[in-house]
Amino acid sequence: MKKLIVLAIIMAVMVLVAALVHAQTPASDLKPTFISPTPGLYVNGWPAFTVSYPKEWVEEPAPGPVSFAGLPRPDLPPGTHIPALYIDVAPSSLSLEEWAKNYMPVFLQLGTDTKILSDKPSQLKDGTRTREVELEQVLKNGPKVNYFMLITKKDVIFVSIILVADEGKLGEELKRIAYSLTFLPGREEPVQVPSDVRAFLDMWCTDIVSGDVKALMEHYSDRFRHAGFSKRFAEQWFRNDPTSPIHQDIMSCEPTVTVFEPREDKAYVDGFNLEKKKGDANGRKMNMIYQQIINEHGEWKWYGNQK
């Protein structure tokens, strides 16, 4: 579990360095960002939430569970955006305080003169508990930057909002972006999907419980790419990483779809798997990881987050 936590954090923060207000449309009328981006508003599939940011910021694809938007700067190297927003969604059994502390060793590897300016409990406008962390750092071969992190948890899913700027301590206008995080419980109800899609997801869960990696990989397209990673990488993760689902002693797995939109031979899908271990009556909701499937010769397979 610790290895998975560190991997998720490294992915989130490395995207920060590599790439290194408010929309008025009702969220209920919007599609998740991975289906149809809306300028100035990030919409997550599951767990369902939104984050508002300036419309002139450019949204870019990013690895793994990380989403990104920022302001291009002609005075910085191509592809660099500052200020910038990063949104990381990852499962963990840690507390808010423990999760925030897990970011620190990673930040220390990215630059020098790292200083924690504040670290305190906070809450969203709906009363949801959060952890607020602000720090400054001189990036390796880069400018001095300030980070502002707002971290919260829904079930076992952490949502981390990370902002970066290079003009000193982040002002209230940037912090308001983080605090625009709004959960949308009304968008998490199950939706109907075609019977063949349901069968695909049911069999995926069955094979997770069985621990049969060969069977699991039959659910992946040979063209699968997720955050640049191939089907082969996914197979090695299942086989060798002790934090992968097949090493978690899962006794049952039940998929629930909250987002479904077909597009020709592909479909966008999101939701959660209710996973139960021995002696666990209630189970835990785990996000589906991927949000796109493709129909190949009459069979649905995972396709990843590529366009």
C-alpha atoms as a PDB file:
ATOM      1  CA  MET A   1       0.000   0.000   0.000  1.00  0.00           C
ATOM      2  CA  LYS A   2       2.806   2.418   0.849  1.00  0.00           C
ATOM      3  CA  LYS A   3       4.407   1.822  -2.556  1.00  0.00           C
ATOM      4  CA  LEU A   4       1.132   2.681  -4.313  1.00  0.00           C
ATOM      5  CA  ILE A   5       0.770   5.844  -2.237  1.00  0.00           C
ATOM      6  CA  VAL A   6       4.263   7.019  -3.119  1.00  0.00           C
ATOM      7  CA  LEU A   7       3.714   6.185  -6.818  1.00  0.00           C
ATOM      8  CA  ALA A   8       0.490   8.183  -6.941  1.00  0.00           C
ATOM      9  CA  ILE A   9       2.128  11.149  -5.233  1.00  0.00           C
ATOM     10  CA  ILE A  10       5.226  11.014  -7.437  1.00  0.00           C
ATOM     11  CA  MET A  11       3.044  10.974 -10.546  1.00  0.00           C
ATOM     12  CA  ALA A  12       1.083  13.971  -9.312  1.00  0.00           C
ATOM     13  CA  VAL A  13       4.089  16.046  -8.304  1.00  0.00           C
ATOM     14  CA  MET A  14       6.312  15.129 -11.257  1.00  0.00           C
ATOM     15  CA  VAL A  15       3.596  16.368 -13.580  1.00  0.00           C
ATOM     16  CA  LEU A  16       3.692  19.610 -11.633  1.00  0.00           C
ATOM     17  CA  VAL A  17       7.364  20.108 -12.380  1.00  0.00           C
ATOM     18  CA  ALA A  18       7.255  18.797 -15.935  1.00  0.00           C
ATOM     19  CA  ALA A  19       4.485  21.135 -17.009  1.00  0.00           C
ATOM     20  CA  LEU A  20       5.765  23.757 -14.819  1.00  0.00           C
ATOM     21  CA  VAL A  21     -13.022  32.520 -12.227  1.00  0.00           C
ATOM     22  CA  HIS A  22     -15.364  30.481 -12.068  1.00  0.00           C
ATOM     23  CA  ALA A  23     -17.644  28.877 -14.642  1.00  0.00           C
ATOM     24  CA  GLN A  24     -21.321  29.703 -14.384  1.00  0.00           C
ATOM     25  CA  THR A  25     -22.880  26.727 -16.225  1.00  0.00           C
ATOM     26  CA  PRO A  26     -24.832  24.475 -13.808  1.00  0.00           C
ATOM     27  CA  ALA A  27     -22.736  21.409 -13.042  1.00  0.00           C
ATOM     28  CA  SER A  28     -25.781  19.168 -13.455  1.00  0.00           C
ATOM     29  CA  ASP A  29     -25.814  20.032 -17.187  1.00  0.00           C
ATOM     30  CA  LEU A  30     -22.132  19.297 -17.744  1.00  0.00           C
ATOM     31  CA  LYS A  31     -20.330  16.159 -18.829  1.00  0.00           C
ATOM     32  CA  PRO A  32     -17.146  14.985 -17.086  1.00  0.00           C
ATOM     33  CA  THR A  33     -14.008  16.659 -18.388  1.00  0.00           C
ATOM     34  CA  PHE A  34     -12.628  13.397 -19.826  1.00  0.00           C
ATOM     35  CA  ILE A  35     -15.671  13.300 -22.144  1.00  0.00           C
ATOM     36  CA  SER A  36     -16.236  16.960 -23.012  1.00  0.00           C
ATOM     37  CA  PRO A  37     -13.992  19.676 -21.490  1.00  0.00           C
ATOM     38  CA  THR A  38     -15.622  22.918 -20.372  1.00  0.00           C
ATOM     39  CA  PRO A  39     -13.338  25.990 -20.259  1.00  0.00           C
ATOM     40  CA  GLY A  40     -12.871  27.126 -16.692  1.00  0.00           C
ATOM     41  CA  LEU A  41     -14.446  24.116 -15.015  1.00  0.00           C
ATOM     42  CA  TYR A  42     -13.060  20.671 -14.207  1.00  0.00           C
ATOM     43  CA  VAL A  43     -15.775  18.012 -13.819  1.00  0.00           C
ATOM     44  CA  ASN A  44     -14.780  14.641 -12.349  1.00  0.00           C
ATOM     45  CA  GLY A  45     -16.732  11.485 -13.141  1.00  0.00           C
ATOM     46  CA  TRP A  46     -16.514   9.502  -9.891  1.00  0.00           C
ATOM     47  CA  PRO A  47     -16.350  10.655  -7.238  1.00  0.00           C
ATOM     48  CA  ALA A  48     -18.420  13.459  -8.733  1.00  0.00           C
ATOM     49  CA  PHE A  49     -17.019  16.931  -8.062  1.00  0.00           C
ATOM     50  CA  THR A  50     -16.123  20.172  -9.813  1.00  0.00           C
ATOM     51  CA  VAL A  51     -13.276  22.681  -9.510  1.00  0.00           C
ATOM     52  CA  SER A  52     -13.455  26.141 -11.110  1.00  0.00           C
ATOM     53  CA  TYR A  53     -10.456  27.981 -12.575  1.00  0.00           C
ATOM     54  CA  PRO A  54      -9.861  30.951 -14.923  1.00  0.00           C
ATOM     55  CA  LYS A  55     -11.240  30.312 -18.413  1.00  0.00           C
ATOM     56  CA  GLU A  56      -8.038  31.499 -20.068  1.00  0.00           C
ATOM     57  CA  TRP A  57      -6.088  28.659 -18.490  1.00  0.00           C
ATOM     58  CA  VAL A  58      -5.280  25.791 -20.859  1.00  0.00           C
ATOM     59  CA  GLU A  59      -6.169  22.226 -19.935  1.00  0.00           C
ATOM     60  CA  GLU A  60      -3.575  19.617 -20.839  1.00  0.00           C
ATOM     61  CA  PRO A  61      -3.526  15.790 -20.634  1.00  0.00           C
ATOM     62  CA  ALA A  62      -1.520  14.436 -17.727  1.00  0.00           C
ATOM     63  CA  PRO A  63      -0.419  10.998 -16.471  1.00  0.00           C
ATOM     64  CA  GLY A  64      -2.446   8.666 -14.330  1.00  0.00           C
ATOM     65  CA  PRO A  65      -5.075  10.146 -12.024  1.00  0.00           C
ATOM     66  CA  VAL A  66      -3.780  13.694 -12.453  1.00  0.00           C
ATOM     67  CA  SER A  67      -5.643  16.413 -14.356  1.00  0.00           C
ATOM     68  CA  PHE A  68      -4.029  19.706 -15.228  1.00  0.00           C
ATOM     69  CA  ALA A  69      -4.794  23.272 -16.310  1.00  0.00           C
ATOM     70  CA  GLY A  70      -2.548  26.331 -16.360  1.00  0.00           C
ATOM     71  CA  LEU A  71      -1.582  29.623 -17.951  1.00  0.00           C
ATOM     72  CA  PRO A  72       1.032  29.372 -20.743  1.00  0.00           C
ATOM     73  CA  ARG A  73       4.000  31.685 -20.206  1.00  0.00           C
ATOM     74  CA  PRO A  74       6.095  32.958 -23.169  1.00  0.00           C
ATOM     75  CA  ASP A  75       8.949  33.797 -20.782  1.00  0.00           C
ATOM     76  CA  LEU A  76       9.280  30.154 -19.697  1.00  0.00           C
ATOM     77  CA  PRO A  77      10.251  26.989 -21.651  1.00  0.00           C
ATOM     78  CA  PRO A  78       7.611  25.610 -24.083  1.00  0.00           C
ATOM     79  CA  GLY A  79       4.942  23.583 -22.350  1.00  0.00           C
ATOM     80  CA  THR A  80       5.475  25.337 -19.019  1.00  0.00           C
ATOM     81  CA  HIS A  81       2.365  26.746 -17.357  1.00  0.00           C
ATOM     82  CA  ILE A  82       2.494  28.964 -14.260  1.00  0.00           C
ATOM     83  CA  PRO A  83       0.247  29.502 -12.395  1.00  0.00           C
ATOM     84  CA  ALA A  84      -1.117  25.992 -12.710  1.00  0.00           C
ATOM     85  CA  LEU A  85      -3.712  23.672 -11.184  1.00  0.00           C
ATOM     86  CA  TYR A  86      -3.340  19.910 -10.646  1.00  0.00           C
ATOM     87  CA  ILE A  87      -6.079  17.539  -9.485  1.00  0.00           C
ATOM     88  CA  ASP A  88      -5.100  14.110  -8.154  1.00  0.00           C
ATOM     89  CA  VAL A  89      -7.609  11.350  -7.318  1.00  0.00           C
ATOM     90  CA  ALA A  90      -6.209   8.249  -5.593  1.00  0.00           C
ATOM     91  CA  PRO A  91      -7.361   5.621  -3.058  1.00  0.00           C
ATOM     92  CA  SER A  92      -5.740   5.194   0.357  1.00  0.00           C
ATOM     93  CA  SER A  93      -6.622   4.110   3.880  1.00  0.00           C
ATOM     94  CA  LEU A  94      -4.490   6.894   5.413  1.00  0.00           C
ATOM     95  CA  SER A  95      -5.862   9.846   7.333  1.00  0.00           C
ATOM     96  CA  LEU A  96      -5.836  13.383   5.942  1.00  0.00           C
ATOM     97  CA  GLU A  97      -2.833  14.256   8.057  1.00  0.00           C
ATOM     98  CA  GLU A  98      -0.876  11.154   7.018  1.00  0.00           C
ATOM     99  CA  TRP A  99      -1.648  11.680   3.333  1.00  0.00           C
ATOM    100  CA  ALA A 100      -0.438  15.294   3.480  1.00  0.00           C
ATOM    101  CA  LYS A 101       2.824  14.189   5.113  1.00  0.00           C
ATOM    102  CA  ASN A 102       3.427  11.642   2.337  1.00  0.00           C
ATOM    103  CA  TYR A 103       3.828  14.485  -0.150  1.00  0.00           C
ATOM    104  CA  MET A 104       6.815  15.978   1.650  1.00  0.00           C
ATOM    105  CA  PRO A 105       9.577  13.434   0.787  1.00  0.00           C
ATOM    106  CA  VAL A 106       8.649  13.778  -2.876  1.00  0.00           C
ATOM    107  CA  PHE A 107       8.785  17.580  -2.818  1.00  0.00           C
ATOM    108  CA  LEU A 108      12.192  17.434  -1.161  1.00  0.00           C
ATOM    109  CA  GLN A 109      13.569  15.599  -4.199  1.00  0.00           C
ATOM    110  CA  LEU A 110      12.385  18.278  -6.623  1.00  0.00           C
ATOM    111  CA  GLY A 111      14.344  21.284  -5.428  1.00  0.00           C
ATOM    112  CA  THR A 112      16.137  23.062  -2.621  1.00  0.00           C
ATOM    113  CA  ASP A 113      15.287  25.407   0.247  1.00  0.00           C
ATOM    114  CA  THR A 114      11.925  23.711   0.758  1.00  0.00           C
ATOM    115  CA  LYS A 115       9.963  25.403   3.541  1.00  0.00           C
ATOM    116  CA  ILE A 116       6.535  24.574   4.943  1.00  0.00           C
ATOM    117  CA  LEU A 117       4.720  27.879   5.377  1.00  0.00           C
ATOM    118  CA  SER A 118       1.516  26.449   6.832  1.00  0.00           C
ATOM    119  CA  ASP A 119      -0.092  23.096   7.561  1.00  0.00           C
ATOM    120  CA  LYS A 120      -3.512  23.153   9.177  1.00  0.00           C
ATOM    121  CA  PRO A 121      -7.000  21.647   9.155  1.00  0.00           C
ATOM    122  CA  SER A 122      -9.695  23.404   7.175  1.00  0.00           C
ATOM    123  CA  GLN A 123     -13.039  22.682   5.523  1.00  0.00           C
ATOM    124  CA  LEU A 124     -14.999  23.218   2.336  1.00  0.00           C
ATOM    125  CA  LYS A 125     -18.064  25.420   2.175  1.00  0.00           C
ATOM    126  CA  ASP A 126     -20.281  22.352   2.741  1.00  0.00           C
ATOM    127  CA  GLY A 127     -18.360  21.459   5.909  1.00  0.00           C
ATOM    128  CA  THR A 128     -16.247  18.650   4.391  1.00  0.00           C
ATOM    129  CA  ARG A 129     -12.997  18.236   6.352  1.00  0.00           C
ATOM    130  CA  THR A 130      -9.811  19.156   4.513  1.00  0.00           C
ATOM    131  CA  ARG A 131      -6.103  19.647   5.121  1.00  0.00           C
ATOM    132  CA  GLU A 132      -4.471  22.847   3.834  1.00  0.00           C
ATOM    133  CA  VAL A 133      -0.707  22.887   3.198  1.00  0.00           C
ATOM    134  CA  GLU A 134       1.414  25.674   1.715  1.00  0.00           C
ATOM    135  CA  LEU A 135       5.131  25.527   1.011  1.00  0.00           C
ATOM    136  CA  GLU A 136       7.831  27.210  -1.050  1.00  0.00           C
ATOM    137  CA  GLN A 137      10.790  25.780  -2.928  1.00  0.00           C
ATOM    138  CA  VAL A 138      13.504  26.575  -5.463  1.00  0.00           C
ATOM    139  CA  LEU A 139      13.111  24.085  -8.297  1.00  0.00           C
ATOM    140  CA  LYS A 140      16.170  22.357  -9.708  1.00  0.00           C
ATOM    141  CA  ASN A 141      17.216  24.466 -12.708  1.00  0.00           C
ATOM    142  CA  GLY A 142      14.029  26.458 -12.272  1.00  0.00           C
ATOM    143  CA  PRO A 143      12.379  29.367 -10.486  1.00  0.00           C
ATOM    144  CA  LYS A 144      11.323  29.729  -6.888  1.00  0.00           C
ATOM    145  CA  VAL A 145       7.724  28.560  -6.598  1.00  0.00           C
ATOM    146  CA  ASN A 146       4.972  28.308  -4.033  1.00  0.00           C
ATOM    147  CA  TYR A 147       2.612  25.340  -3.730  1.00  0.00           C
ATOM    148  CA  PHE A 148      -0.820  25.341  -2.143  1.00  0.00           C
ATOM    149  CA  MET A 149      -2.468  21.970  -1.480  1.00  0.00           C
ATOM    150  CA  LEU A 150      -6.017  21.318  -0.371  1.00  0.00           C
ATOM    151  CA  ILE A 151      -6.573  17.654   0.470  1.00  0.00           C
ATOM    152  CA  THR A 152      -9.838  15.935   1.329  1.00  0.00           C
ATOM    153  CA  LYS A 153     -11.226  12.416   1.410  1.00  0.00           C
ATOM    154  CA  LYS A 154     -14.427  10.706   0.251  1.00  0.00           C
ATOM    155  CA  ASP A 155     -14.748   7.139   1.501  1.00  0.00           C
ATOM    156  CA  VAL A 156     -11.205   5.833   0.793  1.00  0.00           C
ATOM    157  CA  ILE A 157     -10.646   8.182  -2.167  1.00  0.00           C
ATOM    158  CA  PHE A 158      -8.373  11.187  -1.687  1.00  0.00           C
ATOM    159  CA  VAL A 159      -8.893  14.322  -3.773  1.00  0.00           C
ATOM    160  CA  SER A 160      -5.843  16.608  -3.814  1.00  0.00           C
ATOM    161  CA  ILE A 161      -6.026  20.088  -5.336  1.00  0.00           C
ATOM    162  CA  ILE A 162      -2.520  21.469  -5.969  1.00  0.00           C
ATOM    163  CA  LEU A 163      -1.773  25.012  -7.145  1.00  0.00           C
ATOM    164  CA  VAL A 164       1.644  26.380  -8.105  1.00  0.00           C
ATOM    165  CA  ALA A 165       2.793  29.953  -8.733  1.00  0.00           C
ATOM    166  CA  ASP A 166       6.133  31.758  -8.945  1.00  0.00           C
ATOM    167  CA  GLU A 167       5.172  35.202  -7.672  1.00  0.00           C
ATOM    168  CA  GLY A 168       5.617  34.651  -3.959  1.00  0.00           C
ATOM    169  CA  LYS A 169       3.006  33.397  -1.521  1.00  0.00           C
ATOM    170  CA  LEU A 170      -0.187  32.420  -3.290  1.00  0.00           C
ATOM    171  CA  GLY A 171      -2.895  35.052  -3.077  1.00  0.00           C
ATOM    172  CA  GLU A 172      -6.489  34.535  -2.069  1.00  0.00           C
ATOM    173  CA  GLU A 173      -7.637  34.504  -5.706  1.00  0.00           C
ATOM    174  CA  LEU A 174      -5.639  31.314  -6.318  1.00  0.00           C
ATOM    175  CA  LYS A 175      -6.675  29.740  -3.042  1.00  0.00           C
ATOM    176  CA  ARG A 176     -10.297  30.316  -4.048  1.00  0.00           C
ATOM    177  CA  ILE A 177      -9.681  27.942  -6.951  1.00  0.00           C
ATOM    178  CA  ALA A 178      -8.832  25.156  -4.498  1.00  0.00           C
ATOM    179  CA  TYR A 179     -11.806  25.988  -2.282  1.00  0.00           C
ATOM    180  CA  SER A 180     -14.159  25.932  -5.282  1.00  0.00           C
ATOM    181  CA  LEU A 181     -14.003  22.129  -4.947  1.00  0.00           C
ATOM    182  CA  THR A 182     -17.659  21.041  -4.776  1.00  0.00           C
ATOM    183  CA  PHE A 183     -18.885  17.463  -4.425  1.00  0.00           C
ATOM    184  CA  LEU A 184     -22.003  16.545  -6.424  1.00  0.00           C
ATOM    185  CA  PRO A 185     -23.819  13.664  -4.703  1.00  0.00           C
ATOM    186  CA  GLY A 186     -26.718  13.895  -7.145  1.00  0.00           C
ATOM    187  CA  ARG A 187     -24.421  12.818  -9.989  1.00  0.00           C
ATOM    188  CA  GLU A 188     -23.382   9.549  -8.359  1.00  0.00           C
ATOM    189  CA  GLU A 189     -26.554   7.556  -8.931  1.00  0.00           C
ATOM    190  CA  PRO A 190     -26.191   4.355 -10.992  1.00  0.00           C
ATOM    191  CA  VAL A 191     -27.004   4.548 -14.710  1.00  0.00           C
ATOM    192  CA  GLN A 192     -28.118   1.800 -17.066  1.00  0.00           C
ATOM    193  CA  VAL A 193     -25.595   0.387 -19.530  1.00  0.00           C
ATOM    194  CA  PRO A 194     -26.016  -2.116 -22.401  1.00  0.00           C
ATOM    195  CA  SER A 195     -25.996  -5.750 -21.349  1.00  0.00           C
ATOM    196  CA  ASP A 196     -22.685  -6.466 -23.101  1.00  0.00           C
ATOM    197  CA  VAL A 197     -20.979  -3.595 -21.244  1.00  0.00           C
ATOM    198  CA  ARG A 198     -22.409  -4.869 -17.969  1.00  0.00           C
ATOM    199  CA  ALA A 199     -21.121  -8.355 -18.759  1.00  0.00           C
ATOM    200  CA  PHE A 200     -17.665  -6.946 -19.511  1.00  0.00           C
ATOM    201  CA  LEU A 201     -17.490  -5.087 -16.188  1.00  0.00           C
ATOM    202  CA  ASP A 202     -18.869  -8.060 -14.246  1.00  0.00           C
ATOM    203  CA  MET A 203     -16.263 -10.387 -15.745  1.00  0.00           C
ATOM    204  CA  TRP A 204     -13.520  -7.810 -15.037  1.00  0.00           C
ATOM    205  CA  CYS A 205     -14.526  -7.869 -11.371  1.00  0.00           C
ATOM    206  CA  THR A 206     -14.717 -11.679 -11.370  1.00  0.00           C
ATOM    207  CA  ASP A 207     -11.186 -11.936 -12.705  1.00  0.00           C
ATOM    208  CA  ILE A 208      -9.897  -9.429 -10.148  1.00  0.00           C
ATOM    209  CA  VAL A 209     -11.258 -11.654  -7.383  1.00  0.00           C
ATOM    210  CA  SER A 210      -9.767 -14.777  -8.991  1.00  0.00           C
ATOM    211  CA  GLY A 211      -6.327 -13.186  -9.283  1.00  0.00           C
ATOM    212  CA  ASP A 212      -5.889 -14.639 -12.782  1.00  0.00           C
ATOM    213  CA  VAL A 213      -3.601 -12.110 -14.487  1.00  0.00           C
ATOM    214  CA  LYS A 214      -3.810 -13.844 -17.859  1.00  0.00           C
ATOM    215  CA  ALA A 215      -7.604 -13.581 -17.773  1.00  0.00           C
ATOM    216  CA  LEU A 216      -7.401  -9.950 -16.680  1.00  0.00           C
ATOM    217  CA  MET A 217      -5.193  -9.020 -19.612  1.00  0.00           C
ATOM    218  CA  GLU A 218      -7.785 -10.422 -22.020  1.00  0.00           C
ATOM    219  CA  HIS A 219      -9.865  -7.386 -21.018  1.00  0.00           C
ATOM    220  CA  TYR A 220      -7.227  -4.988 -22.415  1.00  0.00           C
ATOM    221  CA  SER A 221      -7.005  -3.849 -26.016  1.00  0.00           C
ATOM    222  CA  ASP A 222      -3.587  -4.357 -27.595  1.00  0.00           C
ATOM    223  CA  ARG A 223      -3.872  -0.626 -28.401  1.00  0.00           C
ATOM    224  CA  PHE A 224      -4.394   0.256 -24.730  1.00  0.00           C
ATOM    225  CA  ARG A 225      -2.622   3.394 -23.544  1.00  0.00           C
ATOM    226  CA  HIS A 226      -3.244   5.075 -20.210  1.00  0.00           C
ATOM    227  CA  ALA A 227      -1.015   8.007 -19.278  1.00  0.00           C
ATOM    228  CA  GLY A 228       1.376   6.665 -21.907  1.00  0.00           C
ATOM    229  CA  PHE A 229       1.553   3.212 -20.289  1.00  0.00           C
ATOM    230  CA  SER A 230       0.922   0.109 -22.384  1.00  0.00           C
ATOM    231  CA  LYS A 231      -0.909  -3.166 -21.830  1.00  0.00           C
ATOM    232  CA  ARG A 232       2.436  -4.773 -21.027  1.00  0.00           C
ATOM    233  CA  PHE A 233       3.044  -2.263 -18.228  1.00  0.00           C
ATOM    234  CA  ALA A 234      -0.416  -2.991 -16.788  1.00  0.00           C
ATOM    235  CA  GLU A 235       0.337  -6.713 -16.796  1.00  0.00           C
ATOM    236  CA  GLN A 236       3.613  -6.246 -14.931  1.00  0.00           C
ATOM    237  CA  TRP A 237       1.854  -4.048 -12.375  1.00  0.00           C
ATOM    238  CA  PHE A 238      -0.750  -6.728 -11.689  1.00  0.00           C
ATOM    239  CA  ARG A 239       1.865  -9.466 -11.411  1.00  0.00           C
ATOM    240  CA  ASN A 240       4.618  -7.743  -9.449  1.00  0.00           C
ATOM    241  CA  ASP A 241       3.151  -4.902  -7.400  1.00  0.00           C
ATOM    242  CA  PRO A 242       1.845  -6.030  -3.989  1.00  0.00           C
ATOM    243  CA  THR A 243      -0.573  -3.097  -3.987  1.00  0.00           C
ATOM    244  CA  SER A 244      -2.431  -4.257  -7.131  1.00  0.00           C
ATOM    245  CA  PRO A 245      -6.018  -5.524  -6.584  1.00  0.00           C
ATOM    246  CA  ILE A 246      -5.164  -9.197  -7.058  1.00  0.00           C
ATOM    247  CA  HIS A 247      -2.872  -9.061  -4.003  1.00  0.00           C
ATOM    248  CA  GLN A 248      -5.489  -7.499  -1.707  1.00  0.00           C
ATOM    249  CA  ASP A 249      -7.420 -10.676  -0.742  1.00  0.00           C
ATOM    250  CA  ILE A 250     -10.629  -9.310  -2.276  1.00  0.00           C
ATOM    251  CA  MET A 251     -13.524 -11.742  -1.749  1.00  0.00           C
ATOM    252  CA  SER A 252     -16.111  -9.987  -3.943  1.00  0.00           C
ATOM    253  CA  CYS A 253     -16.270  -7.116  -6.424  1.00  0.00           C
ATOM    254  CA  GLU A 254     -19.420  -5.437  -7.723  1.00  0.00           C
ATOM    255  CA  PRO A 255     -19.237  -2.688 -10.392  1.00  0.00           C
ATOM    256  CA  THR A 256     -21.529   0.348 -10.364  1.00  0.00           C
ATOM    257  CA  VAL A 257     -21.593   2.688 -13.378  1.00  0.00           C
ATOM    258  CA  THR A 258     -22.379   6.365 -12.749  1.00  0.00           C
ATOM    259  CA  VAL A 259     -21.226   7.745 -16.140  1.00  0.00           C
ATOM    260  CA  PHE A 260     -21.771   6.139 -19.539  1.00  0.00           C
ATOM    261  CA  GLU A 261     -21.582   7.675 -23.011  1.00  0.00           C
ATOM    262  CA  PRO A 262     -21.123   5.642 -26.201  1.00  0.00           C
ATOM    263  CA  ARG A 263     -19.045   7.070 -29.068  1.00  0.00           C
ATOM    264  CA  GLU A 264     -19.108   4.846 -32.193  1.00  0.00           C
ATOM    265  CA  ASP A 265     -16.862   1.843 -31.372  1.00  0.00           C
ATOM    266  CA  LYS A 266     -15.814   3.330 -28.022  1.00  0.00           C
ATOM    267  CA  ALA A 267     -17.570   4.358 -24.846  1.00  0.00           C
ATOM    268  CA  TYR A 268     -16.752   6.489 -21.844  1.00  0.00           C
ATOM    269  CA  VAL A 269     -17.506   4.797 -18.546  1.00  0.00           C
ATOM    270  CA  ASP A 270     -16.878   5.731 -14.938  1.00  0.00           C
ATOM    271  CA  GLY A 271     -18.034   4.677 -11.514  1.00  0.00           C
ATOM    272  CA  PHE A 272     -16.771   2.433  -8.752  1.00  0.00           C
ATOM    273  CA  ASN A 273     -16.227  -1.161  -7.762  1.00  0.00           C
ATOM    274  CA  LEU A 274     -17.553  -2.178  -4.358  1.00  0.00           C
ATOM    275  CA  GLU A 275     -14.778  -4.430  -3.100  1.00  0.00           C
ATOM    276  CA  LYS A 276     -15.122  -6.585  -0.001  1.00  0.00           C
ATOM    277  CA  LYS A 277     -12.488  -8.483   1.912  1.00  0.00           C
ATOM    278  CA  LYS A 278     -13.069 -11.350   4.321  1.00  0.00           C
ATOM    279  CA  GLY A 279     -14.897 -10.093   7.409  1.00  0.00           C
ATOM    280  CA  ASP A 280     -15.697  -6.753   5.730  1.00  0.00           C
ATOM    281  CA  ALA A 281     -19.480  -6.415   5.723  1.00  0.00           C
ATOM    282  CA  ASN A 282     -19.717  -3.003   4.053  1.00  0.00           C
ATOM    283  CA  GLY A 283     -16.772  -3.083   1.665  1.00  0.00           C
ATOM    284  CA  ARG A 284     -15.128  -0.039   0.122  1.00  0.00           C
ATOM    285  CA  LYS A 285     -15.776   1.901  -3.078  1.00  0.00           C
ATOM    286  CA  MET A 286     -12.771   1.981  -5.409  1.00  0.00           C
ATOM    287  CA  ASN A 287     -12.648   4.044  -8.583  1.00  0.00           C
ATOM    288  CA  MET A 288     -12.516   2.126 -11.870  1.00  0.00           C
ATOM    289  CA  ILE A 289      -9.057   3.526 -12.823  1.00  0.00           C
ATOM    290  CA  TYR A 290      -9.792   3.755 -16.574  1.00  0.00           C
ATOM    291  CA  GLN A 291     -12.609   5.715 -18.237  1.00  0.00           C
ATOM    292  CA  GLN A 292     -12.683   4.452 -21.823  1.00  0.00           C
ATOM    293  CA  ILE A 293     -13.479   1.115 -23.461  1.00  0.00           C
ATOM    294  CA  ILE A 294     -13.409  -0.005 -27.096  1.00  0.00           C
ATOM    295  CA  ASN A 295     -15.411  -2.665 -28.930  1.00  0.00           C
ATOM    296  CA  GLU A 296     -13.073  -4.946 -30.868  1.00  0.00           C
ATOM    297  CA  HIS A 297     -14.648  -7.752 -32.884  1.00  0.00           C
ATOM    298  CA  GLY A 298     -17.725  -7.727 -30.659  1.00  0.00           C
ATOM    299  CA  GLU A 299     -15.826  -7.646 -27.338  1.00  0.00           C
ATOM    300  CA  TRP A 300     -15.385  -4.668 -25.033  1.00  0.00           C
ATOM    301  CA  LYS A 301     -11.871  -3.994 -23.791  1.00  0.00           C
ATOM    302  CA  TRP A 302     -10.131  -1.281 -21.781  1.00  0.00           C
ATOM    303  CA  TYR A 303      -8.704   1.422 -24.054  1.00  0.00           C
ATOM    304  CA  GLY A 304      -7.222   3.899 -21.542  1.00  0.00           C
ATOM    305  CA  ASN A 305      -7.355   7.690 -21.498  1.00  0.00           C
ATOM    306  CA  GLN A 306      -6.051   8.274 -25.018  1.00  0.00           C
ATOM    307  CA  LYS A 307      -8.149  10.220 -27.519  1.00  0.00           C
END
